[in-house]
Amino acid sequence: MHIVFLTHEYPRSGLAHGGVGAMVKILGQALVKNGVRVSVVGTNYPGRGYEFFEDGGIRVYLPPYRPYRPFTWWANFRGINQELSKLHRQNPISIVEASEMGLAFIQKFRRIKYIIRLHGGHHFFAQSEHRKVNWWKGWQEKRSFAQADGAVAVSEFVYDHTAQYLDLGRFTRRVVANPVDPSRFYQANPAKAVRGRILFVGTVCEKKGVRQLLLALPKIKAEVPEAHLHIVGPSQVLPDGQLYADYLKRFVDPAVADAVRFWGRQPNQSVPGLIEQSQVCVYPSHMEALPMAWLEVLCMGKPLIGSRIGPGPEVITDEQTGLLCDPHDPDDIARKTIRLLQNPTLGFALGAGGRAEALARFDVKNLVHENLRHYQEILG
């Protein structure tokens, strides 16, 4: 079996990547260990030429970015199609997998099956964030699903929510959660936790709930004076060119300014250490599909506060494997955070429950076999 994943964000040292890229790396390397040939194809970053490298048995092919405005999209898909054609001649491809818009302009070959993995596409996030659907992105997403032979979602919520706006009726309903690698996200040493440290890891943008977390901090410090917040992750660039992190700083109460640190983007290999040093991780996302960052915290046995909306209840069993909050309510975020900072015993219990749940449900060693069964069903 030869599987090709289409993604522009495969993890590389010193360069930005997202949850989709992290998932492809974890699952892809597990598939390789199970005898599957795995390739990744995606447009390279602007200014970089053609690149090829291997990572844990995965072969990564990155044709150069082609800024041929106004047809940049066409030129870049053409480069991807040429790469797929070459790969198929060399080692026949069984399956091509992409996220929601990824198949819109892919040239299809006979005997290859094309799959969409629902990570949360344009319709999903536009509707859940009460934004208008962009006609061009919406059209691409519909075209992409029309090209697909099958679909699999990373959560029940993302499947059901997407099905309200796109026709998934011709596909067999499949849900396979994102995987986590316990060899990287190990059992944290409680002795390394810094008293009062609150950690957020993720893209610094409005939908991640960072603003509400900042608004909660004065209430938290009033009850826990040693509380301090570390914000780790790349900042969204706003339409006016301003970094969202700079925009956020106007919401920092001067009384707690010394208790907030913006780390910016950090190497992925440093994230486990940052999680280990926290007393509590707070990720109050307004909407997610199935966040890799949550699974990493659970896998390390650290107490996690996540969002009660979206797929939150699929990931966290409230009061057993973590706490769920209203991500739009700074008071609720503050109450839950204070509770864990003041009660380390509860934090340890929730962390232990979260790790047990993560190993049972999200360990890549188990989920790789679910994915293989899914691929075999698609191949017939």
Protein backbone atom coordinates (compact mmCIF):
# COMPACT_ATOMS: atom_id res chain seq x y z
CA MET A 1 0.00 0.00 0.00
CA HIS A 2 1.28 3.47 -0.91
CA ILE A 3 -0.47 6.40 0.77
CA VAL A 4 0.18 10.03 -0.16
CA PHE A 5 -0.84 12.81 2.22
CA LEU A 6 -1.35 16.27 0.76
CA THR A 7 -0.31 18.99 3.22
CA HIS A 8 1.72 22.20 3.12
CA GLU A 9 2.51 22.10 6.83
CA TYR A 10 4.58 18.98 7.45
CA PRO A 11 6.75 19.71 10.54
CA ARG A 12 10.28 20.97 9.84
CA SER A 13 12.77 22.37 12.30
CA GLY A 14 12.55 26.13 12.59
CA LEU A 15 9.46 26.45 10.39
CA ALA A 16 5.79 26.85 11.31
CA HIS A 17 3.42 23.92 11.14
CA GLY A 18 -0.07 23.16 12.35
CA GLY A 19 -2.03 20.31 13.86
CA VAL A 20 -2.68 18.68 10.48
CA GLY A 21 1.04 18.45 9.79
CA ALA A 22 1.71 17.03 13.26
CA MET A 23 -1.02 14.42 12.76
CA VAL A 24 0.40 13.38 9.37
CA LYS A 25 3.86 12.91 10.87
CA ILE A 26 2.65 10.82 13.82
CA LEU A 27 0.29 8.65 11.79
CA GLY A 28 2.62 8.42 8.78
CA GLN A 29 5.56 7.13 10.79
CA ALA A 30 3.31 4.55 12.47
CA LEU A 31 2.05 3.42 9.06
CA VAL A 32 5.64 3.02 7.84
CA LYS A 33 6.34 0.74 10.82
CA ASN A 34 3.36 -1.35 9.67
CA GLY A 35 4.77 -1.86 6.18
CA VAL A 36 3.01 0.99 4.35
CA ARG A 37 4.87 3.27 1.94
CA VAL A 38 4.07 6.86 2.96
CA SER A 39 4.73 10.01 0.95
CA VAL A 40 3.83 13.64 1.63
CA VAL A 41 3.34 16.22 -1.12
CA GLY A 42 2.79 19.91 -0.47
CA THR A 43 3.79 23.30 -1.83
CA ASN A 44 6.97 24.64 -0.24
CA TYR A 45 7.25 27.98 1.55
CA PRO A 46 7.66 31.09 -0.67
CA GLY A 47 11.27 31.76 -1.55
CA ARG A 48 12.35 28.14 -1.16
CA GLY A 49 12.98 25.89 -4.14
CA TYR A 50 12.14 22.23 -4.62
CA GLU A 51 12.93 20.16 -1.54
CA PHE A 52 12.93 16.45 -0.75
CA PHE A 53 13.77 14.76 2.54
CA GLU A 54 12.96 11.63 4.53
CA ASP A 55 11.68 11.65 8.10
CA GLY A 56 11.17 8.41 9.97
CA GLY A 57 10.55 6.56 6.69
CA ILE A 58 8.16 9.21 5.30
CA ARG A 59 9.25 10.67 1.95
CA VAL A 60 8.42 14.37 1.75
CA TYR A 61 8.24 16.12 -1.64
CA LEU A 62 7.86 19.90 -1.70
CA PRO A 63 7.55 21.52 -5.13
CA PRO A 64 8.33 25.26 -5.14
CA TYR A 65 5.72 27.93 -4.48
CA ARG A 66 4.69 29.63 -7.73
CA PRO A 67 3.39 33.19 -7.19
CA TYR A 68 1.75 33.60 -10.61
CA ARG A 69 -0.96 36.09 -9.64
CA PRO A 70 -3.90 35.97 -10.09
CA PHE A 71 -3.52 32.25 -10.85
CA THR A 72 -1.19 31.26 -8.01
CA TRP A 73 -3.68 28.60 -6.89
CA TRP A 74 -3.64 27.01 -10.35
CA ALA A 75 0.16 27.08 -10.65
CA ASN A 76 0.66 25.47 -7.24
CA PHE A 77 -1.91 22.74 -7.83
CA ARG A 78 -0.23 22.09 -11.17
CA GLY A 79 3.06 21.53 -9.34
CA ILE A 80 1.37 19.12 -6.92
CA ASN A 81 -0.32 17.24 -9.78
CA GLN A 82 3.02 16.87 -11.58
CA GLU A 83 4.58 15.48 -8.39
CA LEU A 84 1.72 13.00 -7.92
CA SER A 85 2.00 11.85 -11.53
CA LYS A 86 5.74 11.24 -11.14
CA LEU A 87 5.26 9.38 -7.85
CA HIS A 88 2.50 7.21 -9.32
CA ARG A 89 4.76 6.15 -12.20
CA GLN A 90 7.59 5.27 -9.83
CA ASN A 91 5.56 3.54 -7.08
CA PRO A 92 1.83 3.17 -7.83
CA ILE A 93 -0.26 5.13 -5.34
CA SER A 94 -3.12 3.38 -3.54
CA ILE A 95 -4.66 6.35 -1.68
CA VAL A 96 -4.34 10.13 -1.74
CA GLU A 97 -5.54 11.81 1.45
CA ALA A 98 -6.15 15.53 1.93
CA SER A 99 -8.04 17.89 4.22
CA GLU A 100 -11.31 19.55 3.23
CA MET A 101 -10.20 21.77 0.30
CA GLY A 102 -7.21 19.67 -0.70
CA LEU A 103 -8.74 17.74 -3.60
CA ALA A 104 -10.38 20.72 -5.36
CA PHE A 105 -7.99 20.80 -8.31
CA ILE A 106 -6.29 17.42 -8.04
CA GLN A 107 -6.03 15.44 -11.27
CA LYS A 108 -7.51 12.01 -10.61
CA PHE A 109 -5.90 8.76 -11.76
CA ARG A 110 -7.60 5.42 -12.23
CA ARG A 111 -7.04 2.86 -9.47
CA ILE A 112 -6.23 5.58 -6.92
CA LYS A 113 -8.75 6.27 -4.16
CA TYR A 114 -9.10 9.84 -2.91
CA ILE A 115 -10.01 10.53 0.72
CA ILE A 116 -10.80 13.66 2.70
CA ARG A 117 -9.97 13.75 6.40
CA LEU A 118 -12.21 16.27 8.14
CA HIS A 119 -10.01 18.47 10.34
CA GLY A 120 -12.40 21.42 10.24
CA GLY A 121 -12.75 23.14 6.87
CA HIS A 122 -13.93 26.54 5.68
CA HIS A 123 -17.68 25.88 6.09
CA PHE A 124 -17.08 24.34 9.53
CA PHE A 125 -15.17 27.27 10.98
CA ALA A 126 -17.09 30.02 9.15
CA GLN A 127 -20.42 28.80 10.51
CA SER A 128 -19.17 27.98 14.00
CA GLU A 129 -17.48 31.40 14.30
CA HIS A 130 -20.49 33.20 12.77
CA ARG A 131 -18.48 34.42 9.78
CA LYS A 132 -19.75 34.68 6.23
CA VAL A 133 -18.72 31.80 3.98
CA ASN A 134 -16.22 33.02 1.39
CA TRP A 135 -17.72 32.03 -1.97
CA TRP A 136 -14.38 31.03 -3.51
CA LYS A 137 -13.24 28.90 -0.58
CA GLY A 138 -16.74 27.46 -0.21
CA TRP A 139 -16.82 26.51 -3.90
CA GLN A 140 -13.41 24.86 -3.64
CA GLU A 141 -14.51 22.85 -0.62
CA LYS A 142 -17.65 21.59 -2.40
CA ARG A 143 -15.59 20.70 -5.48
CA SER A 144 -13.07 18.87 -3.31
CA PHE A 145 -15.76 16.69 -1.69
CA ALA A 146 -17.21 15.95 -5.12
CA GLN A 147 -13.80 14.54 -6.09
CA ALA A 148 -13.55 12.28 -3.03
CA ASP A 149 -14.17 8.54 -2.84
CA GLY A 150 -14.44 8.56 0.95
CA ALA A 151 -14.21 10.67 4.07
CA VAL A 152 -13.12 10.22 7.67
CA ALA A 153 -13.56 12.76 10.48
CA VAL A 154 -11.33 13.34 13.49
CA SER A 155 -14.35 13.78 15.79
CA GLU A 156 -18.08 13.13 15.86
CA PHE A 157 -18.64 16.87 16.22
CA VAL A 158 -16.70 17.88 13.11
CA TYR A 159 -18.49 15.21 11.04
CA ASP A 160 -21.98 16.20 12.19
CA HIS A 161 -21.33 19.93 11.96
CA THR A 162 -19.82 19.69 8.47
CA ALA A 163 -22.72 17.49 7.31
CA GLN A 164 -25.08 20.41 7.98
CA TYR A 165 -23.43 22.41 5.17
CA LEU A 166 -21.90 19.84 2.81
CA ASP A 167 -23.42 16.65 1.41
CA LEU A 168 -21.68 13.70 3.06
CA GLY A 169 -24.56 11.30 2.41
CA ARG A 170 -22.74 9.23 -0.22
CA PHE A 171 -19.88 8.42 2.17
CA THR A 172 -19.80 5.74 4.84
CA ARG A 173 -19.69 7.52 8.19
CA ARG A 174 -16.22 7.07 9.68
CA VAL A 175 -14.68 8.79 12.72
CA VAL A 176 -11.07 8.12 13.72
CA ALA A 177 -9.55 10.44 16.33
CA ASN A 178 -6.25 12.23 15.97
CA PRO A 179 -3.33 10.23 17.42
CA VAL A 180 -0.74 11.23 20.00
CA ASP A 181 2.75 9.77 20.46
CA PRO A 182 3.37 8.81 24.13
CA SER A 183 7.08 8.41 23.46
CA ARG A 184 7.30 12.19 22.91
CA PHE A 185 4.61 13.28 25.35
CA TYR A 186 5.71 11.30 28.37
CA GLN A 187 4.44 11.14 31.96
CA ALA A 188 5.36 14.52 33.42
CA ASN A 189 7.42 14.71 36.60
CA PRO A 190 5.27 16.59 39.18
CA ALA A 191 8.41 17.92 40.86
CA LYS A 192 9.20 20.02 37.77
CA ALA A 193 5.90 21.94 37.89
CA VAL A 194 6.31 25.64 38.73
CA ARG A 195 3.79 26.78 41.34
CA GLY A 196 1.18 29.09 39.82
CA ARG A 197 2.24 28.61 36.19
CA ILE A 198 -0.64 28.65 33.70
CA LEU A 199 0.23 27.54 30.17
CA PHE A 200 -1.43 28.16 26.83
CA VAL A 201 0.06 26.57 23.67
CA GLY A 202 -1.36 27.21 20.23
CA THR A 203 -1.79 29.80 17.53
CA VAL A 204 -2.34 33.16 19.22
CA CYS A 205 -5.63 34.24 17.64
CA GLU A 206 -9.18 35.12 18.67
CA LYS A 207 -10.71 31.68 18.14
CA LYS A 208 -8.25 30.07 20.57
CA GLY A 209 -9.74 32.03 23.49
CA VAL A 210 -6.47 33.70 24.53
CA ARG A 211 -8.15 37.09 25.00
CA GLN A 212 -10.66 35.66 27.46
CA LEU A 213 -7.82 33.91 29.29
CA LEU A 214 -5.99 37.23 29.65
CA LEU A 215 -9.18 38.88 30.93
CA ALA A 216 -9.46 36.10 33.52
CA LEU A 217 -5.93 36.61 34.86
CA PRO A 218 -6.64 39.53 37.28
CA LYS A 219 -9.36 37.45 38.96
CA ILE A 220 -7.00 34.48 39.16
CA LYS A 221 -4.17 36.51 40.70
CA ALA A 222 -6.54 38.03 43.27
CA GLU A 223 -7.01 34.50 44.67
CA VAL A 224 -3.62 33.01 43.77
CA PRO A 225 -0.98 35.79 43.98
CA GLU A 226 1.80 33.61 42.49
CA ALA A 227 -0.23 32.88 39.34
CA HIS A 228 1.46 33.76 36.05
CA LEU A 229 0.59 33.03 32.44
CA HIS A 230 2.88 31.78 29.68
CA ILE A 231 1.50 32.08 26.12
CA VAL A 232 3.38 29.93 23.59
CA GLY A 233 2.77 29.89 19.86
CA PRO A 234 2.93 31.88 16.63
CA SER A 235 0.72 34.94 16.31
CA GLN A 236 -1.94 35.39 13.66
CA VAL A 237 -1.30 38.31 11.32
CA LEU A 238 -4.36 40.59 11.19
CA PRO A 239 -5.61 42.12 7.90
CA ASP A 240 -3.91 45.43 8.74
CA GLY A 241 -0.55 43.65 9.16
CA GLN A 242 -0.56 43.87 12.96
CA LEU A 243 0.28 40.75 14.96
CA TYR A 244 -2.65 39.51 17.01
CA ALA A 245 -0.28 39.13 19.99
CA ASP A 246 0.42 42.88 19.87
CA TYR A 247 -3.30 43.60 19.61
CA LEU A 248 -3.87 41.32 22.63
CA LYS A 249 -1.52 43.28 24.85
CA ARG A 250 -4.06 46.11 25.10
CA PHE A 251 -6.27 43.69 27.08
CA VAL A 252 -3.59 42.99 29.68
CA ASP A 253 -4.49 44.66 32.97
CA PRO A 254 -1.47 46.77 34.03
CA ALA A 255 -1.75 45.24 37.50
CA VAL A 256 -0.88 41.79 36.10
CA ALA A 257 1.38 42.80 33.18
CA ASP A 258 4.45 41.37 34.94
CA ALA A 259 2.68 38.00 35.21
CA VAL A 260 2.24 37.53 31.44
CA ARG A 261 4.93 36.25 29.09
CA PHE A 262 4.50 35.87 25.33
CA TRP A 263 7.00 33.28 24.10
CA GLY A 264 6.14 33.39 20.40
CA ARG A 265 6.80 30.38 18.23
CA GLN A 266 8.90 27.69 19.95
CA PRO A 267 10.51 24.53 18.52
CA ASN A 268 8.07 21.64 18.69
CA GLN A 269 10.58 19.55 20.64
CA SER A 270 10.49 22.08 23.48
CA VAL A 271 6.72 21.82 24.01
CA PRO A 272 6.79 18.73 26.31
CA GLY A 273 9.18 20.53 28.67
CA LEU A 274 6.95 23.62 28.76
CA ILE A 275 3.92 21.47 29.56
CA GLU A 276 5.84 19.65 32.29
CA GLN A 277 6.76 22.96 33.97
CA SER A 278 3.15 24.17 34.13
CA GLN A 279 0.80 23.65 37.04
CA VAL A 280 -2.27 23.82 34.82
CA CYS A 281 -2.82 24.08 31.05
CA VAL A 282 -5.75 26.24 29.92
CA TYR A 283 -6.89 25.98 26.27
CA PRO A 284 -10.29 27.75 26.05
CA SER A 285 -10.79 27.43 22.28
CA HIS A 286 -13.98 28.86 20.79
CA MET A 287 -14.02 26.01 18.26
CA GLU A 288 -11.86 23.01 17.33
CA ALA A 289 -12.16 19.83 15.30
CA LEU A 290 -10.06 17.64 17.65
CA PRO A 291 -7.08 19.61 18.97
CA MET A 292 -3.71 17.87 19.00
CA ALA A 293 -2.54 20.27 21.72
CA TRP A 294 -5.19 18.95 24.13
CA LEU A 295 -4.15 15.34 23.52
CA GLU A 296 -0.51 16.20 24.24
CA VAL A 297 -1.39 17.68 27.64
CA LEU A 298 -3.58 14.70 28.55
CA CYS A 299 -0.87 12.26 27.48
CA MET A 300 1.60 13.94 29.85
CA GLY A 301 -0.77 13.63 32.81
CA LYS A 302 -1.11 17.38 33.38
CA PRO A 303 -4.42 18.97 34.45
CA LEU A 304 -6.20 20.51 31.47
CA ILE A 305 -9.02 23.04 31.21
CA GLY A 306 -10.64 22.87 27.79
CA SER A 307 -13.72 24.25 26.11
CA ARG A 308 -17.15 22.78 26.81
CA ILE A 309 -18.32 23.57 23.27
CA GLY A 310 -17.44 21.78 20.04
CA PRO A 311 -15.69 18.41 20.53
CA GLY A 312 -14.61 19.28 24.10
CA PRO A 313 -16.84 16.66 25.78
CA GLU A 314 -15.52 14.02 23.32
CA VAL A 315 -11.97 14.64 24.55
CA ILE A 316 -12.44 15.55 28.23
CA THR A 317 -14.79 13.89 30.68
CA ASP A 318 -15.59 16.83 32.96
CA GLU A 319 -14.39 16.35 36.55
CA GLN A 320 -12.70 13.04 35.65
CA THR A 321 -10.05 13.65 33.00
CA GLY A 322 -10.01 17.46 33.11
CA LEU A 323 -12.33 20.45 33.46
CA LEU A 324 -14.55 22.04 30.82
CA CYS A 325 -15.19 25.80 30.76
CA ASP A 326 -17.27 28.32 28.87
CA PRO A 327 -14.58 29.76 26.57
CA HIS A 328 -16.48 33.04 26.12
CA ASP A 329 -16.73 33.69 29.88
CA PRO A 330 -13.54 34.96 31.62
CA ASP A 331 -15.21 34.46 35.01
CA ASP A 332 -15.76 30.76 34.34
CA ILE A 333 -12.20 30.36 33.05
CA ALA A 334 -10.95 32.09 36.22
CA ARG A 335 -13.04 29.90 38.55
CA LYS A 336 -11.81 26.66 36.99
CA THR A 337 -8.18 27.81 36.95
CA ILE A 338 -8.27 29.01 40.58
CA ARG A 339 -9.77 25.70 41.63
CA LEU A 340 -6.86 23.72 40.14
CA LEU A 341 -4.16 26.13 41.32
CA GLN A 342 -5.49 25.95 44.88
CA ASN A 343 -6.02 22.21 44.85
CA PRO A 344 -2.95 20.37 43.48
CA THR A 345 -4.37 17.04 44.65
CA LEU A 346 -7.35 17.50 42.33
CA GLY A 347 -4.94 18.45 39.54
CA PHE A 348 -2.94 15.25 40.03
CA ALA A 349 -6.13 13.15 40.00
CA LEU A 350 -7.44 14.77 36.83
CA GLY A 351 -4.01 14.46 35.21
CA ALA A 352 -3.83 10.76 36.01
CA GLY A 353 -7.33 10.22 34.61
CA GLY A 354 -6.47 12.21 31.50
CA ARG A 355 -3.32 10.22 30.82
CA ALA A 356 -5.11 6.90 31.23
CA GLU A 357 -7.81 8.08 28.81
CA ALA A 358 -5.25 9.38 26.31
CA LEU A 359 -3.33 6.10 26.26
CA ALA A 360 -6.53 4.09 25.86
CA ARG A 361 -8.16 6.22 23.15
CA PHE A 362 -5.52 8.30 21.37
CA ASP A 363 -2.26 6.30 21.40
CA VAL A 364 -1.01 6.06 17.81
CA LYS A 365 -0.09 2.39 18.35
CA ASN A 366 -3.83 1.66 18.56
CA LEU A 367 -5.16 4.24 16.12
CA VAL A 368 -2.81 3.18 13.32
CA HIS A 369 -4.79 -0.08 13.06
CA GLU A 370 -8.10 1.80 12.93
CA ASN A 371 -6.70 3.85 10.08
CA LEU A 372 -5.47 0.74 8.26
CA ARG A 373 -8.93 -0.83 8.50
CA HIS A 374 -10.41 2.40 7.12
CA TYR A 375 -7.98 2.39 4.19
CA GLN A 376 -8.65 -1.28 3.42
CA GLU A 377 -12.40 -0.61 3.37
CA ILE A 378 -11.90 2.30 0.94
CA LEU A 379 -9.78 0.07 -1.31
CA GLY A 380 -12.57 -2.49 -1.27
